[in-house]
Amino acid sequence: MELARALAERGLPGEVVALSGAASGSLPVRTLGRRSRGAGTLRALGDSAGRHSVVVAHGSDTLLAAAAALAMRPTPFVYLSIGDPRQWARGVRRRVNQAALRRARRVAVLSPSALPVVRDWYSLAESRFVVLPNFRDPVQFAPATPLQRAAARRAFGLPAGAPVVALIGALAAEKRPQLAVEAILRVVGAHAVLAGEGPLRPLLEGMARRHPGRVHLLGALPDVRPVLHAADAMVLASTTEGLPGALIEAAMCRVPAVAVDVGWIGDVVRDGETGFLVPDGGPALPALLAERILEVVPRSDELGAAARRLSLSRFSSEVVVPLWAEVLNDVVLEAAG
């Protein structure tokens, strides 16, 4: 939706749709059917595409649906690949995705590092690819003023001078929030503030009960900026990632991060410059994260300022959205010619 809004502001209006109610989540968008790849859904997708010049598909179900629905229609589509296919597209799924991707006019990847991975995994020509990273509005995600920081800490019941480390995202197994919280609790006096929901919430509630007042479960928030305003750092312990928008939001707000070095995270978290990266150390991971949290908190201002500068140069809407507009215009011209 953010891309659609940004393109509309630049004179390229569009429509955001979901294949099914399950795919839409809580987003206020039109759904096309009951099942993501049901016959009625595919017909509705084809009809909707016929009213537009180009389709942007996002997510593996949407890739397959777009390839099927648009196979006999003139509307081209661009697929946005966000993750590492080596982690989630193996065997039959790999072959099916490969066939679908060959019908896309362009495959957008989030990082230069992702391009050879996706290209080689699916045996696609490099000419099909464009690098279009995630982006955020630097005005919307701006560093906290002292008043905003103080207000955010009061709202969440956080001591004014305590180290505060944020976790933003799903409370799900692949994110390993329990290991991140364990790392934070190893830092004397530090508080963990979690924004998100998921199946691991009961486990984290147990950790909160065992450490009263130090683990703050906020649930899913419509606006995570107050969490970033309150934080000295962010931590991410995922087993797999693409280029997380939450890391870009933190960087925009001058909040440095400590993260496991997976996916394309190194594009945002430059080790020792905008935060710290750690290897996936298995059982040793909480200790590795805690060691870096101890380093990042006293350097939060310095590392956060560098993170903001990097995000403005590479992940700002002013930088990325014009690239999207250029790619989409090129695809439309190719399809017409």
Protein backbone atom coordinates (compact mmCIF):
# COMPACT_ATOMS: atom_id res chain seq x y z
CA MET A 1 0.00 0.00 0.00
CA GLU A 2 2.86 2.36 0.75
CA LEU A 3 4.20 1.94 -2.79
CA ALA A 4 0.75 2.57 -4.27
CA ARG A 5 0.32 5.75 -2.23
CA ALA A 6 3.78 6.99 -3.15
CA LEU A 7 3.24 6.33 -6.85
CA ALA A 8 -0.16 8.02 -6.75
CA GLU A 9 1.47 11.12 -5.27
CA ARG A 10 3.72 11.14 -8.33
CA GLY A 11 0.86 10.94 -10.80
CA LEU A 12 0.71 7.14 -11.19
CA PRO A 13 -2.55 6.11 -9.51
CA GLY A 14 -3.35 2.45 -8.98
CA GLU A 15 -5.39 -0.02 -6.98
CA VAL A 16 -4.30 -2.38 -4.19
CA VAL A 17 -6.11 -5.72 -4.06
CA ALA A 18 -5.69 -8.96 -2.12
CA LEU A 19 -6.27 -12.39 -3.59
CA SER A 20 -8.36 -13.47 -0.60
CA GLY A 21 -9.47 -12.33 2.82
CA ALA A 22 -6.69 -14.38 4.42
CA ALA A 23 -4.12 -12.62 2.23
CA SER A 24 -5.42 -9.15 3.06
CA GLY A 25 -4.93 -9.51 6.82
CA SER A 26 -6.18 -6.32 8.42
CA LEU A 27 -5.48 -4.10 5.40
CA PRO A 28 -8.47 -2.13 4.09
CA VAL A 29 -8.25 -3.45 0.52
CA ARG A 30 -10.61 -5.15 -1.90
CA THR A 31 -10.38 -8.95 -1.94
CA LEU A 32 -10.83 -10.88 -5.16
CA GLY A 33 -12.10 -14.22 -3.92
CA ARG A 34 -12.29 -16.83 -1.20
CA ARG A 35 -9.17 -18.77 -2.19
CA SER A 36 -5.91 -17.27 -3.36
CA ARG A 37 -5.74 -19.35 -6.52
CA GLY A 38 -9.36 -20.31 -6.98
CA ALA A 39 -10.88 -20.03 -10.45
CA GLY A 40 -13.08 -17.10 -9.45
CA THR A 41 -10.14 -15.29 -7.87
CA LEU A 42 -8.03 -15.70 -11.00
CA ARG A 43 -10.86 -14.40 -13.21
CA ALA A 44 -11.28 -11.40 -10.94
CA LEU A 45 -7.53 -10.75 -10.99
CA GLY A 46 -7.49 -10.89 -14.78
CA ASP A 47 -10.47 -8.53 -15.01
CA SER A 48 -8.88 -6.12 -12.53
CA ALA A 49 -5.56 -6.22 -14.40
CA GLY A 50 -7.37 -5.38 -17.62
CA ARG A 51 -8.25 -1.98 -16.16
CA HIS A 52 -4.61 -1.13 -15.51
CA SER A 53 -1.40 -0.86 -17.49
CA VAL A 54 0.79 -3.05 -15.27
CA VAL A 55 0.50 -5.33 -12.23
CA VAL A 56 2.95 -5.56 -9.33
CA ALA A 57 2.80 -8.98 -7.66
CA HIS A 58 4.15 -9.50 -4.16
CA GLY A 59 4.32 -12.85 -2.36
CA SER A 60 4.59 -16.41 -3.66
CA ASP A 61 0.82 -17.01 -3.93
CA THR A 62 0.48 -13.77 -5.85
CA LEU A 63 3.30 -14.75 -8.20
CA LEU A 64 1.54 -17.96 -9.19
CA ALA A 65 -1.85 -16.25 -9.42
CA ALA A 66 -0.49 -13.43 -11.61
CA ALA A 67 1.29 -15.85 -13.91
CA ALA A 68 -1.90 -17.89 -14.35
CA ALA A 69 -4.41 -15.04 -14.56
CA LEU A 70 -2.38 -12.94 -16.98
CA ALA A 71 -1.06 -15.72 -19.23
CA MET A 72 -3.55 -14.90 -21.99
CA ARG A 73 -3.91 -11.19 -21.28
CA PRO A 74 -1.83 -8.25 -22.50
CA THR A 75 -1.27 -6.68 -19.08
CA PRO A 76 2.36 -7.26 -17.99
CA PHE A 77 3.39 -7.90 -14.42
CA VAL A 78 6.41 -7.20 -12.25
CA TYR A 79 7.20 -9.54 -9.37
CA LEU A 80 8.76 -8.25 -6.15
CA SER A 81 10.94 -10.91 -4.50
CA ILE A 82 11.48 -10.07 -0.84
CA GLY A 83 13.15 -13.11 0.74
CA ASP A 84 15.88 -15.66 0.16
CA PRO A 85 14.42 -18.39 -2.09
CA ARG A 86 17.01 -20.86 -0.86
CA GLN A 87 15.14 -20.84 2.44
CA TRP A 88 11.56 -21.26 1.25
CA ALA A 89 11.47 -22.40 -2.39
CA ARG A 90 12.80 -25.91 -2.78
CA GLY A 91 11.87 -28.97 -4.80
CA VAL A 92 8.60 -28.70 -6.70
CA ARG A 93 7.97 -25.21 -5.40
CA ARG A 94 11.24 -24.05 -6.89
CA ARG A 95 10.31 -25.38 -10.32
CA VAL A 96 6.79 -23.95 -10.20
CA ASN A 97 8.08 -20.54 -9.16
CA GLN A 98 10.70 -20.66 -11.90
CA ALA A 99 8.04 -21.20 -14.57
CA ALA A 100 5.91 -18.37 -13.14
CA LEU A 101 8.85 -15.96 -12.95
CA ARG A 102 9.59 -16.49 -16.62
CA ARG A 103 6.24 -14.88 -17.37
CA ALA A 104 7.12 -11.74 -15.42
CA ARG A 105 8.48 -8.76 -17.37
CA ARG A 106 10.75 -7.84 -14.48
CA VAL A 107 11.79 -9.41 -11.19
CA ALA A 108 12.50 -6.78 -8.56
CA VAL A 109 14.88 -7.71 -5.74
CA LEU A 110 15.58 -5.71 -2.61
CA SER A 111 19.37 -5.76 -2.66
CA PRO A 112 22.28 -6.08 -5.08
CA SER A 113 23.27 -9.10 -2.99
CA ALA A 114 19.90 -10.71 -3.69
CA LEU A 115 20.19 -10.46 -7.46
CA PRO A 116 22.71 -13.27 -8.07
CA VAL A 117 20.98 -15.47 -5.48
CA VAL A 118 17.53 -15.21 -7.08
CA ARG A 119 18.96 -15.25 -10.61
CA ASP A 120 20.95 -18.43 -10.09
CA TRP A 121 18.31 -20.20 -7.98
CA TYR A 122 15.75 -19.85 -10.74
CA SER A 123 18.14 -19.83 -13.74
CA LEU A 124 16.82 -16.51 -15.05
CA ALA A 125 18.49 -13.99 -17.32
CA GLU A 126 20.01 -11.06 -15.46
CA SER A 127 18.30 -8.65 -17.87
CA ARG A 128 14.99 -9.48 -16.18
CA PHE A 129 16.14 -8.07 -12.83
CA VAL A 130 16.01 -4.67 -11.19
CA VAL A 131 17.14 -3.71 -7.69
CA LEU A 132 14.44 -1.81 -5.84
CA PRO A 133 14.97 -1.75 -2.06
CA ASN A 134 12.35 -1.24 0.60
CA PHE A 135 11.80 2.40 1.44
CA ARG A 136 10.26 4.68 4.02
CA ASP A 137 9.28 8.35 4.18
CA PRO A 138 12.04 10.17 6.13
CA VAL A 139 9.58 12.84 7.23
CA GLN A 140 7.22 10.27 8.71
CA PHE A 141 10.09 8.34 10.32
CA ALA A 142 12.14 11.11 11.84
CA PRO A 143 14.40 11.09 14.90
CA ALA A 144 12.64 11.67 18.20
CA THR A 145 12.87 15.01 19.90
CA PRO A 146 13.76 14.95 23.63
CA LEU A 147 10.10 15.61 24.43
CA GLN A 148 8.93 12.75 22.20
CA ARG A 149 11.46 10.40 23.76
CA ALA A 150 10.39 11.30 27.29
CA ALA A 151 6.69 11.00 26.41
CA ALA A 152 7.17 7.59 24.79
CA ARG A 153 9.02 6.25 27.80
CA ARG A 154 6.34 7.50 30.16
CA ALA A 155 3.61 5.95 28.02
CA PHE A 156 5.27 2.53 28.16
CA GLY A 157 6.26 2.76 31.81
CA LEU A 158 9.99 2.85 31.07
CA PRO A 159 12.55 4.51 33.34
CA ALA A 160 14.00 7.67 31.87
CA GLY A 161 17.63 6.56 32.01
CA ALA A 162 17.39 2.80 31.48
CA PRO A 163 18.70 1.06 28.35
CA VAL A 164 15.70 0.26 26.14
CA VAL A 165 15.89 -2.21 23.27
CA ALA A 166 13.03 -2.62 20.80
CA LEU A 167 11.78 -5.70 18.96
CA ILE A 168 9.32 -5.01 16.14
CA GLY A 169 7.70 -7.80 14.18
CA ALA A 170 5.79 -11.04 14.40
CA LEU A 171 6.21 -13.11 17.55
CA ALA A 172 6.89 -16.17 15.41
CA ALA A 173 9.44 -18.98 15.44
CA GLU A 174 11.52 -17.68 12.51
CA LYS A 175 11.94 -14.33 14.28
CA ARG A 176 13.20 -15.97 17.52
CA PRO A 177 12.00 -13.13 19.78
CA GLN A 178 12.61 -15.27 22.88
CA LEU A 179 16.35 -15.35 22.11
CA ALA A 180 16.38 -11.59 21.57
CA VAL A 181 14.62 -11.03 24.90
CA GLU A 182 17.02 -13.41 26.63
CA ALA A 183 19.90 -11.35 25.24
CA ILE A 184 18.39 -8.08 26.45
CA LEU A 185 17.80 -9.52 29.93
CA ARG A 186 21.52 -10.33 30.15
CA VAL A 187 22.22 -6.57 30.07
CA VAL A 188 21.90 -5.15 33.56
CA GLY A 189 18.88 -2.87 33.88
CA ALA A 190 17.88 -3.13 30.21
CA HIS A 191 14.23 -3.24 29.14
CA ALA A 192 12.81 -5.18 26.18
CA VAL A 193 9.89 -3.53 24.37
CA LEU A 194 8.07 -5.76 21.89
CA ALA A 195 5.63 -4.51 19.24
CA GLY A 196 3.92 -7.38 17.47
CA GLU A 197 1.73 -10.44 17.87
CA GLY A 198 2.11 -14.11 17.09
CA PRO A 199 2.10 -17.68 18.34
CA LEU A 200 5.07 -17.19 20.69
CA ARG A 201 3.29 -14.61 22.81
CA PRO A 202 2.53 -17.08 25.65
CA LEU A 203 6.23 -17.99 25.86
CA LEU A 204 7.16 -14.32 26.04
CA GLU A 205 4.47 -13.63 28.63
CA GLY A 206 6.15 -16.29 30.78
CA MET A 207 9.48 -14.50 30.41
CA ALA A 208 7.78 -11.23 31.38
CA ARG A 209 6.37 -12.82 34.54
CA ARG A 210 9.80 -14.14 35.52
CA HIS A 211 11.36 -10.70 34.99
CA PRO A 212 8.77 -8.24 36.29
CA GLY A 213 8.88 -4.78 34.75
CA ARG A 214 11.62 -5.55 32.20
CA VAL A 215 9.71 -7.19 29.34
CA HIS A 216 6.96 -5.03 27.83
CA LEU A 217 4.56 -6.75 25.40
CA LEU A 218 2.66 -4.07 23.51
CA GLY A 219 0.86 -6.22 20.95
CA ALA A 220 0.36 -5.15 17.34
CA LEU A 221 0.52 -1.37 17.07
CA PRO A 222 -0.88 0.79 14.26
CA ASP A 223 2.12 3.09 14.67
CA VAL A 224 5.51 1.83 15.88
CA ARG A 225 7.18 5.23 15.97
CA PRO A 226 6.64 5.72 19.73
CA VAL A 227 8.49 2.43 20.32
CA LEU A 228 11.42 3.70 18.26
CA HIS A 229 11.27 7.06 20.02
CA ALA A 230 11.69 5.27 23.35
CA ALA A 231 14.49 2.96 22.21
CA ASP A 232 18.27 3.13 22.38
CA ALA A 233 18.61 0.23 19.96
CA MET A 234 16.70 -2.43 18.07
CA VAL A 235 17.48 -6.14 18.00
CA LEU A 236 16.59 -8.76 15.38
CA ALA A 237 17.36 -12.46 15.85
CA SER A 238 15.64 -13.95 12.78
CA THR A 239 16.67 -17.18 11.10
CA THR A 240 15.83 -15.70 7.69
CA GLU A 241 15.02 -12.23 6.41
CA GLY A 242 14.94 -10.17 3.27
CA LEU A 243 15.44 -6.44 3.84
CA PRO A 244 13.15 -5.72 6.81
CA GLY A 245 11.19 -2.50 6.71
CA ALA A 246 11.39 -2.35 10.50
CA LEU A 247 15.17 -1.96 10.30
CA ILE A 248 14.80 0.89 7.82
CA GLU A 249 12.22 2.56 10.08
CA ALA A 250 14.62 2.28 13.00
CA ALA A 251 17.49 3.68 10.96
CA MET A 252 15.35 6.59 9.80
CA CYS A 253 14.58 7.33 13.46
CA ARG A 254 18.32 7.22 14.34
CA VAL A 255 17.97 3.95 16.24
CA PRO A 256 20.90 1.58 15.58
CA ALA A 257 20.36 -2.17 15.40
CA VAL A 258 21.96 -5.41 16.49
CA ALA A 259 20.95 -8.20 14.12
CA VAL A 260 21.79 -11.72 13.03
CA ASP A 261 23.58 -11.55 9.69
CA VAL A 262 21.01 -13.22 7.41
CA GLY A 263 19.38 -12.24 4.12
CA TRP A 264 20.12 -8.71 3.03
CA ILE A 265 20.22 -7.20 6.53
CA GLY A 266 23.80 -6.08 5.99
CA ASP A 267 22.53 -3.45 3.54
CA VAL A 268 21.04 -1.56 6.50
CA VAL A 269 23.12 -2.74 9.45
CA ARG A 270 26.72 -2.09 8.57
CA ASP A 271 28.78 -3.74 11.25
CA GLY A 272 30.42 -1.18 13.53
CA GLU A 273 29.06 1.73 11.46
CA THR A 274 25.25 1.77 11.79
CA GLY A 275 24.92 -1.06 14.33
CA PHE A 276 26.31 -4.55 14.76
CA LEU A 277 25.93 -7.89 12.99
CA VAL A 278 26.37 -11.23 14.68
CA PRO A 279 26.64 -14.73 13.18
CA ASP A 280 23.89 -17.21 13.86
CA GLY A 281 25.52 -18.84 16.85
CA GLY A 282 22.85 -21.37 17.79
CA PRO A 283 22.79 -21.81 21.59
CA ALA A 284 25.41 -19.05 21.92
CA LEU A 285 23.24 -16.51 20.12
CA PRO A 286 21.80 -14.73 23.21
CA ALA A 287 25.31 -14.20 24.56
CA LEU A 288 26.54 -12.88 21.20
CA LEU A 289 23.59 -10.49 20.93
CA ALA A 290 24.01 -9.33 24.53
CA GLU A 291 27.67 -8.56 23.92
CA ARG A 292 26.77 -6.30 21.00
CA ILE A 293 23.85 -4.68 22.83
CA LEU A 294 26.31 -3.68 25.53
CA GLU A 295 28.39 -2.01 22.81
CA VAL A 296 25.58 -0.36 20.87
CA VAL A 297 23.72 1.35 23.73
CA PRO A 298 26.50 3.74 24.81
CA ARG A 299 27.14 4.54 21.12
CA SER A 300 23.49 4.93 20.22
CA ASP A 301 23.73 8.57 19.15
CA GLU A 302 26.80 8.04 16.96
CA LEU A 303 25.62 4.81 15.32
CA GLY A 304 22.07 6.09 15.01
CA ALA A 305 23.20 9.21 13.18
CA ALA A 306 25.15 7.04 10.71
CA ALA A 307 22.12 4.80 10.26
CA ARG A 308 19.95 7.81 9.45
CA ARG A 309 22.46 9.10 6.88
CA LEU A 310 22.64 5.69 5.19
CA SER A 311 18.86 5.28 5.12
CA LEU A 312 18.38 8.73 3.60
CA SER A 313 20.84 7.92 0.81
CA ARG A 314 19.52 4.43 -0.03
CA PHE A 315 16.08 3.75 1.46
CA SER A 316 14.26 7.06 1.31
CA SER A 317 11.01 7.29 -0.65
CA GLU A 318 12.56 10.21 -2.56
CA VAL A 319 15.27 7.85 -3.82
CA VAL A 320 13.39 4.59 -4.41
CA VAL A 321 9.93 5.60 -5.66
CA PRO A 322 11.24 7.35 -8.80
CA LEU A 323 13.10 4.12 -9.61
CA TRP A 324 9.84 2.20 -9.31
CA ALA A 325 8.09 4.71 -11.57
CA GLU A 326 10.84 4.36 -14.19
CA VAL A 327 10.68 0.55 -14.15
CA LEU A 328 6.89 0.45 -14.42
CA ASN A 329 6.88 2.96 -17.27
CA ASP A 330 9.53 0.93 -19.11
CA VAL A 331 7.48 -2.26 -18.70
CA VAL A 332 4.34 -0.58 -20.02
CA LEU A 333 6.22 0.77 -23.06
CA GLU A 334 7.74 -2.65 -23.77
CA ALA A 335 4.34 -4.35 -23.57
CA ALA A 336 2.83 -1.76 -25.91
CA GLY A 337 5.63 -1.98 -28.44
